[in-house]
Amino acid sequence: MAELTPAVWNRWRLHLVNPAPRAQGRQPTAMSGHERLLDSRVVALALPELRADTARTIEMRVGRVHRSKDKPFYTQAQFEAIQKAAR
């Protein structure tokens, strides 16, 4: 971690937000990359060997991820059926 520089962190950050396609044909989502970035931030900031300039870079705001497609929602009837089954 002592060798982790702000430039390396920024390259890692860009890689997570704009990942390469997977071999199986499934496209990674921007949200999954964003979540991995947040997890990476927590781990990196917890390490005592982290350089001060890198820590400042990591602590910068990440920003919001804008989803490109709509997420399907349950209808009221479906929600009530799920709620009834859970009880």
PDB file of N, CA and C in Angstrom:
ATOM      1  N   MET A   1       0.818  -1.204   0.000  1.00  0.00           N
ATOM      2  CA  MET A   1       0.000   0.000   0.000  1.00  0.00           C
ATOM      3  C   MET A   1       0.852   1.255   0.000  1.00  0.00           C
ATOM      4  N   ALA A   2       2.086   1.156   0.466  1.00  0.00           N
ATOM      5  CA  ALA A   2       2.958   2.328   0.464  1.00  0.00           C
ATOM      6  C   ALA A   2       3.252   2.782  -0.963  1.00  0.00           C
ATOM      7  N   GLU A   3       3.117   1.895  -1.936  1.00  0.00           N
ATOM      8  CA  GLU A   3       3.386   2.235  -3.338  1.00  0.00           C
ATOM      9  C   GLU A   3       2.142   2.705  -4.082  1.00  0.00           C
ATOM     10  N   LEU A   4       1.015   2.712  -3.416  1.00  0.00           N
ATOM     11  CA  LEU A   4      -0.226   3.175  -4.054  1.00  0.00           C
ATOM     12  C   LEU A   4      -0.204   4.703  -4.130  1.00  0.00           C
ATOM     13  N   THR A   5      -0.107   5.210  -5.344  1.00  0.00           N
ATOM     14  CA  THR A   5      -0.049   6.655  -5.567  1.00  0.00           C
ATOM     15  C   THR A   5      -1.421   7.162  -6.004  1.00  0.00           C
ATOM     16  N   PRO A   6      -1.629   8.478  -5.968  1.00  0.00           N
ATOM     17  CA  PRO A   6      -2.892   9.020  -6.472  1.00  0.00           C
ATOM     18  C   PRO A   6      -3.155   8.641  -7.940  1.00  0.00           C
ATOM     19  N   ALA A   7      -2.100   8.592  -8.755  1.00  0.00           N
ATOM     20  CA  ALA A   7      -2.278   8.231 -10.167  1.00  0.00           C
ATOM     21  C   ALA A   7      -2.755   6.793 -10.317  1.00  0.00           C
ATOM     22  N   VAL A   8      -2.195   5.890  -9.532  1.00  0.00           N
ATOM     23  CA  VAL A   8      -2.614   4.484  -9.578  1.00  0.00           C
ATOM     24  C   VAL A   8      -4.066   4.371  -9.115  1.00  0.00           C
ATOM     25  N   TRP A   9      -4.406   5.083  -8.047  1.00  0.00           N
ATOM     26  CA  TRP A   9      -5.788   5.047  -7.548  1.00  0.00           C
ATOM     27  C   TRP A   9      -6.766   5.550  -8.606  1.00  0.00           C
ATOM     28  N   ASN A  10      -6.421   6.647  -9.268  1.00  0.00           N
ATOM     29  CA  ASN A  10      -7.317   7.212 -10.279  1.00  0.00           C
ATOM     30  C   ASN A  10      -7.491   6.268 -11.470  1.00  0.00           C
ATOM     31  N   ARG A  11      -6.431   5.560 -11.863  1.00  0.00           N
ATOM     32  CA  ARG A  11      -6.560   4.565 -12.932  1.00  0.00           C
ATOM     33  C   ARG A  11      -7.483   3.433 -12.488  1.00  0.00           C
ATOM     34  N   TRP A  12      -7.324   2.990 -11.227  1.00  0.00           N
ATOM     35  CA  TRP A  12      -8.183   1.937 -10.673  1.00  0.00           C
ATOM     36  C   TRP A  12      -9.632   2.410 -10.663  1.00  0.00           C
ATOM     37  N   ARG A  13      -9.837   3.645 -10.259  1.00  0.00           N
ATOM     38  CA  ARG A  13     -11.190   4.212 -10.192  1.00  0.00           C
ATOM     39  C   ARG A  13     -11.843   4.239 -11.573  1.00  0.00           C
ATOM     40  N   LEU A  14     -11.101   4.671 -12.574  1.00  0.00           N
ATOM     41  CA  LEU A  14     -11.642   4.703 -13.938  1.00  0.00           C
ATOM     42  C   LEU A  14     -11.922   3.301 -14.446  1.00  0.00           C
ATOM     43  N   HIS A  15     -11.072   2.352 -14.086  1.00  0.00           N
ATOM     44  CA  HIS A  15     -11.281   0.963 -14.493  1.00  0.00           C
ATOM     45  C   HIS A  15     -12.584   0.414 -13.901  1.00  0.00           C
ATOM     46  N   LEU A  16     -12.877   0.740 -12.656  1.00  0.00           N
ATOM     47  CA  LEU A  16     -14.090   0.241 -12.012  1.00  0.00           C
ATOM     48  C   LEU A  16     -15.350   0.887 -12.567  1.00  0.00           C
ATOM     49  N   VAL A  17     -15.268   2.161 -12.858  1.00  0.00           N
ATOM     50  CA  VAL A  17     -16.446   2.875 -13.348  1.00  0.00           C
ATOM     51  C   VAL A  17     -16.711   2.549 -14.820  1.00  0.00           C
ATOM     52  N   ASN A  18     -15.663   2.313 -15.604  1.00  0.00           N
ATOM     53  CA  ASN A  18     -15.801   1.963 -17.027  1.00  0.00           C
ATOM     54  C   ASN A  18     -15.122   0.620 -17.270  1.00  0.00           C
ATOM     55  N   PRO A  19     -15.662  -0.478 -16.733  1.00  0.00           N
ATOM     56  CA  PRO A  19     -14.983  -1.769 -16.841  1.00  0.00           C
ATOM     57  C   PRO A  19     -15.027  -2.350 -18.252  1.00  0.00           C
ATOM     58  N   ALA A  20     -14.074  -3.243 -18.515  1.00  0.00           N
ATOM     59  CA  ALA A  20     -14.038  -3.954 -19.789  1.00  0.00           C
ATOM     60  C   ALA A  20     -15.109  -5.045 -19.790  1.00  0.00           C
ATOM     61  N   PRO A  21     -15.604  -5.427 -20.970  1.00  0.00           N
ATOM     62  CA  PRO A  21     -16.609  -6.495 -21.028  1.00  0.00           C
ATOM     63  C   PRO A  21     -16.050  -7.805 -20.478  1.00  0.00           C
ATOM     64  N   ARG A  22     -16.904  -8.607 -19.873  1.00  0.00           N
ATOM     65  CA  ARG A  22     -16.499  -9.894 -19.326  1.00  0.00           C
ATOM     66  C   ARG A  22     -16.434 -10.939 -20.439  1.00  0.00           C
ATOM     67  N   ALA A  23     -15.648 -11.970 -20.201  1.00  0.00           N
ATOM     68  CA  ALA A  23     -15.473 -13.031 -21.189  1.00  0.00           C
ATOM     69  C   ALA A  23     -16.760 -13.808 -21.445  1.00  0.00           C
ATOM     70  N   GLN A  24     -17.610 -13.962 -20.436  1.00  0.00           N
ATOM     71  CA  GLN A  24     -18.832 -14.735 -20.593  1.00  0.00           C
ATOM     72  C   GLN A  24     -19.895 -13.983 -21.395  1.00  0.00           C
ATOM     73  N   GLY A  25     -19.621 -12.780 -21.805  1.00  0.00           N
ATOM     74  CA  GLY A  25     -20.582 -12.019 -22.581  1.00  0.00           C
ATOM     75  C   GLY A  25     -21.470 -11.112 -21.759  1.00  0.00           C
ATOM     76  N   ARG A  26     -21.457 -11.253 -20.435  1.00  0.00           N
ATOM     77  CA  ARG A  26     -22.262 -10.382 -19.579  1.00  0.00           C
ATOM     78  C   ARG A  26     -21.548  -9.048 -19.417  1.00  0.00           C
ATOM     79  N   GLN A  27     -22.292  -7.990 -19.571  1.00  0.00           N
ATOM     80  CA  GLN A  27     -21.725  -6.660 -19.396  1.00  0.00           C
ATOM     81  C   GLN A  27     -21.799  -6.251 -17.929  1.00  0.00           C
ATOM     82  N   PRO A  28     -20.685  -5.818 -17.334  1.00  0.00           N
ATOM     83  CA  PRO A  28     -20.758  -5.320 -15.961  1.00  0.00           C
ATOM     84  C   PRO A  28     -21.517  -4.003 -15.936  1.00  0.00           C
ATOM     85  N   THR A  29     -22.202  -3.754 -14.852  1.00  0.00           N
ATOM     86  CA  THR A  29     -22.963  -2.513 -14.749  1.00  0.00           C
ATOM     87  C   THR A  29     -22.124  -1.426 -14.099  1.00  0.00           C
ATOM     88  N   ALA A  30     -22.492  -0.186 -14.357  1.00  0.00           N
ATOM     89  CA  ALA A  30     -21.798   0.931 -13.719  1.00  0.00           C
ATOM     90  C   ALA A  30     -21.992   0.887 -12.211  1.00  0.00           C
ATOM     91  N   MET A  31     -23.164   0.437 -11.763  1.00  0.00           N
ATOM     92  CA  MET A  31     -23.439   0.378 -10.342  1.00  0.00           C
ATOM     93  C   MET A  31     -22.542  -0.638  -9.651  1.00  0.00           C
ATOM     94  N   SER A  32     -22.326  -1.797 -10.268  1.00  0.00           N
ATOM     95  CA  SER A  32     -21.460  -2.787  -9.631  1.00  0.00           C
ATOM     96  C   SER A  32     -20.040  -2.244  -9.516  1.00  0.00           C
ATOM     97  N   GLY A  33     -19.587  -1.502 -10.520  1.00  0.00           N
ATOM     98  CA  GLY A  33     -18.265  -0.884 -10.440  1.00  0.00           C
ATOM     99  C   GLY A  33     -18.219   0.172  -9.355  1.00  0.00           C
ATOM    100  N   HIS A  34     -19.305   0.925  -9.212  1.00  0.00           N
ATOM    101  CA  HIS A  34     -19.388   1.954  -8.184  1.00  0.00           C
ATOM    102  C   HIS A  34     -19.333   1.325  -6.790  1.00  0.00           C
ATOM    103  N   GLU A  35     -20.042   0.209  -6.632  1.00  0.00           N
ATOM    104  CA  GLU A  35     -20.036  -0.483  -5.342  1.00  0.00           C
ATOM    105  C   GLU A  35     -18.646  -1.027  -5.012  1.00  0.00           C
ATOM    106  N   ARG A  36     -17.963  -1.578  -6.017  1.00  0.00           N
ATOM    107  CA  ARG A  36     -16.588  -2.062  -5.780  1.00  0.00           C
ATOM    108  C   ARG A  36     -15.663  -0.904  -5.428  1.00  0.00           C
ATOM    109  N   LEU A  37     -15.886   0.240  -6.045  1.00  0.00           N
ATOM    110  CA  LEU A  37     -15.077   1.415  -5.729  1.00  0.00           C
ATOM    111  C   LEU A  37     -15.271   1.830  -4.278  1.00  0.00           C
ATOM    112  N   LEU A  38     -16.516   1.859  -3.819  1.00  0.00           N
ATOM    113  CA  LEU A  38     -16.788   2.232  -2.427  1.00  0.00           C
ATOM    114  C   LEU A  38     -16.139   1.241  -1.460  1.00  0.00           C
ATOM    115  N   ASP A  39     -16.229  -0.055  -1.775  1.00  0.00           N
ATOM    116  CA  ASP A  39     -15.584  -1.065  -0.931  1.00  0.00           C
ATOM    117  C   ASP A  39     -14.068  -0.879  -0.914  1.00  0.00           C
ATOM    118  N   SER A  40     -13.492  -0.595  -2.073  1.00  0.00           N
ATOM    119  CA  SER A  40     -12.047  -0.380  -2.164  1.00  0.00           C
ATOM    120  C   SER A  40     -11.613   0.832  -1.340  1.00  0.00           C
ATOM    121  N   ARG A  41     -12.436   1.872  -1.360  1.00  0.00           N
ATOM    122  CA  ARG A  41     -12.118   3.077  -0.581  1.00  0.00           C
ATOM    123  C   ARG A  41     -12.044   2.756   0.910  1.00  0.00           C
ATOM    124  N   VAL A  42     -13.033   2.005   1.397  1.00  0.00           N
ATOM    125  CA  VAL A  42     -13.079   1.666   2.820  1.00  0.00           C
ATOM    126  C   VAL A  42     -11.830   0.892   3.221  1.00  0.00           C
ATOM    127  N   VAL A  43     -11.467  -0.101   2.416  1.00  0.00           N
ATOM    128  CA  VAL A  43     -10.298  -0.930   2.727  1.00  0.00           C
ATOM    129  C   VAL A  43      -9.020  -0.095   2.680  1.00  0.00           C
ATOM    130  N   ALA A  44      -8.852   0.680   1.625  1.00  0.00           N
ATOM    131  CA  ALA A  44      -7.619   1.454   1.468  1.00  0.00           C
ATOM    132  C   ALA A  44      -7.450   2.477   2.593  1.00  0.00           C
ATOM    133  N   LEU A  45      -8.514   3.155   2.959  1.00  0.00           N
ATOM    134  CA  LEU A  45      -8.418   4.180   3.999  1.00  0.00           C
ATOM    135  C   LEU A  45      -8.173   3.587   5.384  1.00  0.00           C
ATOM    136  N   ALA A  46      -8.430   2.295   5.557  1.00  0.00           N
ATOM    137  CA  ALA A  46      -8.202   1.648   6.853  1.00  0.00           C
ATOM    138  C   ALA A  46      -6.757   1.216   7.042  1.00  0.00           C
ATOM    139  N   LEU A  47      -5.959   1.242   5.995  1.00  0.00           N
ATOM    140  CA  LEU A  47      -4.586   0.762   6.090  1.00  0.00           C
ATOM    141  C   LEU A  47      -3.643   1.849   6.600  1.00  0.00           C
ATOM    142  N   PRO A  48      -2.841   1.548   7.620  1.00  0.00           N
ATOM    143  CA  PRO A  48      -1.941   2.557   8.185  1.00  0.00           C
ATOM    144  C   PRO A  48      -0.782   2.929   7.265  1.00  0.00           C
ATOM    145  N   GLU A  49      -0.425   2.062   6.317  1.00  0.00           N
ATOM    146  CA  GLU A  49       0.718   2.343   5.430  1.00  0.00           C
ATOM    147  C   GLU A  49       0.383   3.282   4.279  1.00  0.00           C
ATOM    148  N   LEU A  50      -0.885   3.656   4.146  1.00  0.00           N
ATOM    149  CA  LEU A  50      -1.330   4.477   3.022  1.00  0.00           C
ATOM    150  C   LEU A  50      -0.693   5.867   3.075  1.00  0.00           C
ATOM    151  N   ARG A  51      -0.176   6.303   1.935  1.00  0.00           N
ATOM    152  CA  ARG A  51       0.432   7.627   1.853  1.00  0.00           C
ATOM    153  C   ARG A  51      -0.624   8.708   2.061  1.00  0.00           C
ATOM    154  N   ALA A  52      -0.214   9.826   2.619  1.00  0.00           N
ATOM    155  CA  ALA A  52      -1.142  10.925   2.921  1.00  0.00           C
ATOM    156  C   ALA A  52      -1.755  11.516   1.657  1.00  0.00           C
ATOM    157  N   ASP A  53      -0.958  11.696   0.592  1.00  0.00           N
ATOM    158  CA  ASP A  53      -1.498  12.270  -0.646  1.00  0.00           C
ATOM    159  C   ASP A  53      -2.486  11.313  -1.314  1.00  0.00           C
ATOM    160  N   THR A  54      -2.228  10.030  -1.206  1.00  0.00           N
ATOM    161  CA  THR A  54      -3.157   9.046  -1.755  1.00  0.00           C
ATOM    162  C   THR A  54      -4.451   9.033  -0.946  1.00  0.00           C
ATOM    163  N   ALA A  55      -4.341   9.128   0.368  1.00  0.00           N
ATOM    164  CA  ALA A  55      -5.525   9.154   1.220  1.00  0.00           C
ATOM    165  C   ALA A  55      -6.415  10.346   0.873  1.00  0.00           C
ATOM    166  N   ARG A  56      -5.814  11.509   0.622  1.00  0.00           N
ATOM    167  CA  ARG A  56      -6.597  12.691   0.241  1.00  0.00           C
ATOM    168  C   ARG A  56      -7.324  12.458  -1.080  1.00  0.00           C
ATOM    169  N   THR A  57      -6.646  11.799  -2.028  1.00  0.00           N
ATOM    170  CA  THR A  57      -7.262  11.504  -3.326  1.00  0.00           C
ATOM    171  C   THR A  57      -8.419  10.529  -3.161  1.00  0.00           C
ATOM    172  N   ILE A  58      -8.220   9.505  -2.337  1.00  0.00           N
ATOM    173  CA  ILE A  58      -9.260   8.496  -2.121  1.00  0.00           C
ATOM    174  C   ILE A  58     -10.467   9.094  -1.407  1.00  0.00           C
ATOM    175  N   GLU A  59     -10.232  10.043  -0.519  1.00  0.00           N
ATOM    176  CA  GLU A  59     -11.322  10.647   0.247  1.00  0.00           C
ATOM    177  C   GLU A  59     -12.205  11.585  -0.572  1.00  0.00           C
ATOM    178  N   MET A  60     -11.778  11.946  -1.783  1.00  0.00           N
ATOM    179  CA  MET A  60     -12.589  12.829  -2.620  1.00  0.00           C
ATOM    180  C   MET A  60     -13.918  12.164  -2.937  1.00  0.00           C
ATOM    181  N   ARG A  61     -14.932  12.986  -3.096  1.00  0.00           N
ATOM    182  CA  ARG A  61     -16.272  12.469  -3.408  1.00  0.00           C
ATOM    183  C   ARG A  61     -16.245  11.652  -4.690  1.00  0.00           C
ATOM    184  N   VAL A  62     -17.032  10.603  -4.682  1.00  0.00           N
ATOM    185  CA  VAL A  62     -17.101   9.724  -5.840  1.00  0.00           C
ATOM    186  C   VAL A  62     -18.171  10.188  -6.818  1.00  0.00           C
ATOM    187  N   GLY A  63     -19.252  10.732  -6.325  1.00  0.00           N
ATOM    188  CA  GLY A  63     -20.326  11.195  -7.185  1.00  0.00           C
ATOM    189  C   GLY A  63     -21.390  10.134  -7.356  1.00  0.00           C
ATOM    190  N   ARG A  64     -22.474  10.517  -7.970  1.00  0.00           N
ATOM    191  CA  ARG A  64     -23.592   9.607  -8.170  1.00  0.00           C
ATOM    192  C   ARG A  64     -23.416   8.826  -9.461  1.00  0.00           C
ATOM    193  N   VAL A  65     -23.983   7.659  -9.473  1.00  0.00           N
ATOM    194  CA  VAL A  65     -24.020   6.848 -10.684  1.00  0.00           C
ATOM    195  C   VAL A  65     -25.417   6.978 -11.264  1.00  0.00           C
ATOM    196  N   HIS A  66     -25.489   7.328 -12.529  1.00  0.00           N
ATOM    197  CA  HIS A  66     -26.782   7.461 -13.201  1.00  0.00           C
ATOM    198  C   HIS A  66     -27.069   6.159 -13.933  1.00  0.00           C
ATOM    199  N   ARG A  67     -28.144   5.510 -13.550  1.00  0.00           N
ATOM    200  CA  ARG A  67     -28.510   4.250 -14.181  1.00  0.00           C
ATOM    201  C   ARG A  67     -29.072   4.519 -15.566  1.00  0.00           C
ATOM    202  N   SER A  68     -28.687   3.693 -16.503  1.00  0.00           N
ATOM    203  CA  SER A  68     -29.092   3.925 -17.884  1.00  0.00           C
ATOM    204  C   SER A  68     -30.434   3.295 -18.230  1.00  0.00           C
ATOM    205  N   LYS A  69     -30.894   2.311 -17.457  1.00  0.00           N
ATOM    206  CA  LYS A  69     -32.174   1.691 -17.779  1.00  0.00           C
ATOM    207  C   LYS A  69     -33.077   1.680 -16.555  1.00  0.00           C
ATOM    208  N   ASP A  70     -34.364   1.619 -16.808  1.00  0.00           N
ATOM    209  CA  ASP A  70     -35.338   1.594 -15.719  1.00  0.00           C
ATOM    210  C   ASP A  70     -35.292   0.264 -14.998  1.00  0.00           C
ATOM    211  N   LYS A  71     -35.559   0.313 -13.722  1.00  0.00           N
ATOM    212  CA  LYS A  71     -35.613  -0.888 -12.908  1.00  0.00           C
ATOM    213  C   LYS A  71     -37.080  -1.281 -12.767  1.00  0.00           C
ATOM    214  N   PRO A  72     -37.400  -2.558 -13.031  1.00  0.00           N
ATOM    215  CA  PRO A  72     -38.807  -2.963 -12.907  1.00  0.00           C
ATOM    216  C   PRO A  72     -39.254  -2.962 -11.447  1.00  0.00           C
ATOM    217  N   PHE A  73     -40.511  -2.623 -11.229  1.00  0.00           N
ATOM    218  CA  PHE A  73     -41.083  -2.585  -9.893  1.00  0.00           C
ATOM    219  C   PHE A  73     -42.233  -3.578  -9.811  1.00  0.00           C
ATOM    220  N   TYR A  74     -42.509  -4.042  -8.593  1.00  0.00           N
ATOM    221  CA  TYR A  74     -43.655  -4.913  -8.370  1.00  0.00           C
ATOM    222  C   TYR A  74     -44.945  -4.096  -8.443  1.00  0.00           C
ATOM    223  N   THR A  75     -45.980  -4.755  -8.922  1.00  0.00           N
ATOM    224  CA  THR A  75     -47.296  -4.118  -8.882  1.00  0.00           C
ATOM    225  C   THR A  75     -47.798  -4.207  -7.436  1.00  0.00           C
ATOM    226  N   GLN A  76     -48.848  -3.482  -7.129  1.00  0.00           N
ATOM    227  CA  GLN A  76     -49.410  -3.510  -5.775  1.00  0.00           C
ATOM    228  C   GLN A  76     -49.854  -4.924  -5.408  1.00  0.00           C
ATOM    229  N   ALA A  77     -50.493  -5.627  -6.359  1.00  0.00           N
ATOM    230  CA  ALA A  77     -50.961  -6.997  -6.104  1.00  0.00           C
ATOM    231  C   ALA A  77     -49.786  -7.943  -5.839  1.00  0.00           C
ATOM    232  N   GLN A  78     -48.716  -7.801  -6.621  1.00  0.00           N
ATOM    233  CA  GLN A  78     -47.533  -8.648  -6.414  1.00  0.00           C
ATOM    234  C   GLN A  78     -46.907  -8.365  -5.049  1.00  0.00           C
ATOM    235  N   PHE A  79     -46.802  -7.104  -4.704  1.00  0.00           N
ATOM    236  CA  PHE A  79     -46.226  -6.731  -3.421  1.00  0.00           C
ATOM    237  C   PHE A  79     -47.038  -7.308  -2.262  1.00  0.00           C
ATOM    238  N   GLU A  80     -48.350  -7.213  -2.352  1.00  0.00           N
ATOM    239  CA  GLU A  80     -49.206  -7.754  -1.295  1.00  0.00           C
ATOM    240  C   GLU A  80     -49.086  -9.272  -1.203  1.00  0.00           C
ATOM    241  N   ALA A  81     -48.950  -9.960  -2.347  1.00  0.00           N
ATOM    242  CA  ALA A  81     -48.775 -11.419  -2.330  1.00  0.00           C
ATOM    243  C   ALA A  81     -47.456 -11.797  -1.670  1.00  0.00           C
ATOM    244  N   ILE A  82     -46.408 -11.061  -1.954  1.00  0.00           N
ATOM    245  CA  ILE A  82     -45.097 -11.306  -1.335  1.00  0.00           C
ATOM    246  C   ILE A  82     -45.191 -11.052   0.169  1.00  0.00           C
ATOM    247  N   GLN A  83     -45.838  -9.970   0.540  1.00  0.00           N
ATOM    248  CA  GLN A  83     -45.976  -9.625   1.944  1.00  0.00           C
ATOM    249  C   GLN A  83     -46.795 -10.704   2.696  1.00  0.00           C
ATOM    250  N   LYS A  84     -47.854 -11.197   2.044  1.00  0.00           N
ATOM    251  CA  LYS A  84     -48.686 -12.241   2.656  1.00  0.00           C
ATOM    252  C   LYS A  84     -47.885 -13.540   2.813  1.00  0.00           C
ATOM    253  N   ALA A  85     -47.104 -13.894   1.818  1.00  0.00           N
ATOM    254  CA  ALA A  85     -46.283 -15.113   1.893  1.00  0.00           C
ATOM    255  C   ALA A  85     -45.205 -14.991   2.985  1.00  0.00           C
ATOM    256  N   ALA A  86     -44.685 -13.795   3.167  1.00  0.00           N
ATOM    257  CA  ALA A  86     -43.644 -13.591   4.194  1.00  0.00           C
ATOM    258  C   ALA A  86     -44.207 -13.726   5.602  1.00  0.00           C
ATOM    259  N   ARG A  87     -45.471 -13.347   5.760  1.00  0.00           N
ATOM    260  CA  ARG A  87     -46.102 -13.474   7.082  1.00  0.00           C
ATOM    261  C   ARG A  87     -46.360 -14.915   7.394  1.00  0.00           C
TER     262      ARG A  87
END
